[in-house]
Amino acid sequence: METSKTKTPARSAKGRKKPAIQTRIKQIRKEHHMTQQEMADLLGLSRQYYTCLERGMYDLTVDKLQTLNQEFGVTADYVLGFDKGGKVQVSEDELELIKVLHKLDNPKLVTSLLNLVKGLFISYGKDENGNPVKGRDVL
């Protein structure tokens, strides 16, 4: 006999629905086949503190949310439970480019690089969203 499986919201030991943040950080960690220690190291936390985050005993700080975004391409809205999808789909090369751009400490250089990329899109007949364009003044 076949049974249908439905996903139920994660529940705490007392039966209350777990906040999305607890569920989401654990889900992100498991999707990337990471241990609690590896995730703690990535976030600059002790394993014990990270375990408490997954259990909902502590809140995630903004800088840790930014780290999750940079490393895994997830939005803060997703981690906090406001967005169901939340994942920004990027390739490994795009992720590497984003990491390099985050390290740049020169706003003028970042602006110049952005203009160069926009120029490349125009050269190849596409706007910044990848849609075909007719003419060079779209961006």
Protein backbone atom coordinates (compact mmCIF):
# COMPACT_ATOMS: atom_id res chain seq x y z
CA MET A 1 0.00 0.00 0.00
CA GLU A 2 1.37 3.38 -1.03
CA THR A 3 1.15 6.30 1.34
CA SER A 4 1.42 9.93 0.35
CA LYS A 5 4.11 11.93 2.04
CA THR A 6 3.42 15.54 2.88
CA LYS A 7 5.91 17.93 4.36
CA THR A 8 4.88 19.28 7.70
CA PRO A 9 6.38 22.36 9.30
CA ALA A 10 9.32 21.72 11.60
CA ARG A 11 8.25 21.58 15.22
CA SER A 12 10.08 22.30 18.42
CA ALA A 13 10.26 19.78 21.25
CA LYS A 14 7.15 21.37 22.77
CA GLY A 15 5.19 20.98 19.53
CA ARG A 16 5.27 24.64 18.47
CA LYS A 17 6.13 25.49 14.87
CA LYS A 18 9.83 26.33 14.56
CA PRO A 19 10.65 29.80 13.23
CA ALA A 20 11.72 29.76 9.59
CA ILE A 21 15.24 30.94 10.40
CA GLN A 22 16.02 27.79 12.41
CA THR A 23 14.69 25.55 9.68
CA ARG A 24 16.34 27.50 6.87
CA ILE A 25 19.89 27.65 8.24
CA LYS A 26 19.80 23.93 8.95
CA GLN A 27 18.40 23.27 5.47
CA ILE A 28 21.13 25.39 3.84
CA ARG A 29 23.79 23.55 5.83
CA LYS A 30 22.44 20.12 4.88
CA GLU A 31 21.97 21.06 1.20
CA HIS A 32 25.67 21.88 1.09
CA HIS A 33 26.62 18.70 2.96
CA MET A 34 28.22 20.65 5.78
CA THR A 35 28.62 19.75 9.42
CA GLN A 36 27.60 22.13 12.17
CA GLN A 37 31.30 22.74 12.79
CA GLU A 38 31.93 23.66 9.15
CA MET A 39 28.98 26.06 9.11
CA ALA A 40 30.08 27.55 12.43
CA ASP A 41 33.59 28.09 11.05
CA LEU A 42 32.20 29.75 7.92
CA LEU A 43 30.12 32.11 10.05
CA GLY A 44 32.93 32.75 12.53
CA LEU A 45 31.08 31.12 15.42
CA SER A 46 31.75 28.33 17.85
CA ARG A 47 29.98 25.06 17.08
CA GLN A 48 28.05 25.36 20.33
CA TYR A 49 26.78 28.83 19.42
CA TYR A 50 25.83 27.65 15.93
CA THR A 51 23.94 24.68 17.41
CA CYS A 52 22.00 27.14 19.56
CA LEU A 53 21.14 29.12 16.40
CA GLU A 54 19.67 26.01 14.80
CA ARG A 55 17.68 25.36 17.96
CA GLY A 56 16.36 28.93 18.09
CA MET A 57 18.11 29.91 21.30
CA TYR A 58 19.96 32.81 19.64
CA ASP A 59 19.17 35.15 16.77
CA LEU A 60 21.19 35.43 13.57
CA THR A 61 22.95 38.79 13.19
CA VAL A 62 22.91 40.89 10.02
CA ASP A 63 26.57 40.18 9.26
CA LYS A 64 25.89 36.43 9.44
CA LEU A 65 22.92 36.87 7.09
CA GLN A 66 25.27 38.67 4.68
CA THR A 67 27.73 35.79 4.90
CA LEU A 68 24.96 33.29 4.07
CA ASN A 69 23.99 35.46 1.09
CA GLN A 70 27.55 35.73 -0.19
CA GLU A 71 28.47 32.10 0.30
CA PHE A 72 25.21 30.36 -0.68
CA GLY A 73 23.33 32.91 -2.79
CA VAL A 74 20.29 32.96 -0.50
CA THR A 75 18.42 36.14 0.28
CA ALA A 76 17.84 37.46 3.78
CA ASP A 77 14.10 37.27 3.07
CA TYR A 78 14.47 33.56 2.37
CA VAL A 79 16.49 32.86 5.53
CA LEU A 80 14.03 34.87 7.62
CA GLY A 81 11.05 33.07 6.12
CA PHE A 82 9.51 35.92 4.11
CA ASP A 83 10.30 34.36 0.72
CA LYS A 84 9.60 30.75 -0.19
CA GLY A 85 12.12 30.48 -3.06
CA GLY A 86 14.89 32.77 -1.99
CA LYS A 87 17.74 31.32 -3.96
CA VAL A 88 19.53 33.47 -6.45
CA GLN A 89 20.59 31.13 -9.23
CA VAL A 90 24.23 31.82 -10.09
CA SER A 91 26.97 29.72 -11.62
CA GLU A 92 30.26 29.02 -9.87
CA ASP A 93 31.96 31.61 -12.11
CA GLU A 94 29.33 34.22 -11.26
CA LEU A 95 29.71 33.48 -7.57
CA GLU A 96 33.48 33.86 -7.85
CA LEU A 97 32.99 37.20 -9.63
CA ILE A 98 30.66 38.38 -6.87
CA LYS A 99 33.23 37.41 -4.23
CA VAL A 100 35.94 39.35 -6.07
CA LEU A 101 33.69 42.41 -6.37
CA HIS A 102 32.94 42.29 -2.64
CA LYS A 103 36.67 42.42 -1.93
CA LEU A 104 37.22 45.53 -4.04
CA ASP A 105 37.67 48.59 -1.90
CA ASN A 106 37.37 51.15 -4.71
CA PRO A 107 33.86 52.35 -5.66
CA LYS A 108 35.14 53.99 -8.86
CA LEU A 109 36.65 50.69 -9.98
CA VAL A 110 33.41 48.84 -9.27
CA THR A 111 31.46 51.45 -11.28
CA SER A 112 33.95 51.15 -14.15
CA LEU A 113 33.61 47.36 -14.15
CA LEU A 114 29.82 47.66 -14.13
CA ASN A 115 29.93 50.00 -17.13
CA LEU A 116 32.27 47.59 -18.92
CA VAL A 117 29.88 44.69 -18.35
CA LYS A 118 26.92 46.78 -19.55
CA GLY A 119 28.94 47.66 -22.64
CA LEU A 120 29.58 43.99 -23.31
CA PHE A 121 25.84 43.29 -23.15
CA ILE A 122 25.20 46.03 -25.70
CA SER A 123 27.98 44.68 -27.93
CA TYR A 124 26.30 41.30 -27.97
CA GLY A 125 22.84 42.78 -28.60
CA LYS A 126 21.33 42.12 -25.18
CA ASP A 127 20.24 44.32 -22.30
CA GLU A 128 21.36 43.75 -18.70
CA ASN A 129 18.57 41.18 -18.26
CA GLY A 130 19.74 39.19 -21.27
CA ASN A 131 16.86 40.30 -23.53
CA PRO A 132 17.62 41.10 -27.20
CA VAL A 133 17.87 44.82 -27.97
CA LYS A 134 17.85 46.94 -31.10
CA GLY A 135 20.24 49.82 -30.71
CA ARG A 136 22.99 50.89 -28.42
CA ASP A 137 21.15 53.27 -26.09
CA VAL A 138 19.09 50.73 -24.12
CA LEU A 139 21.23 50.73 -20.98
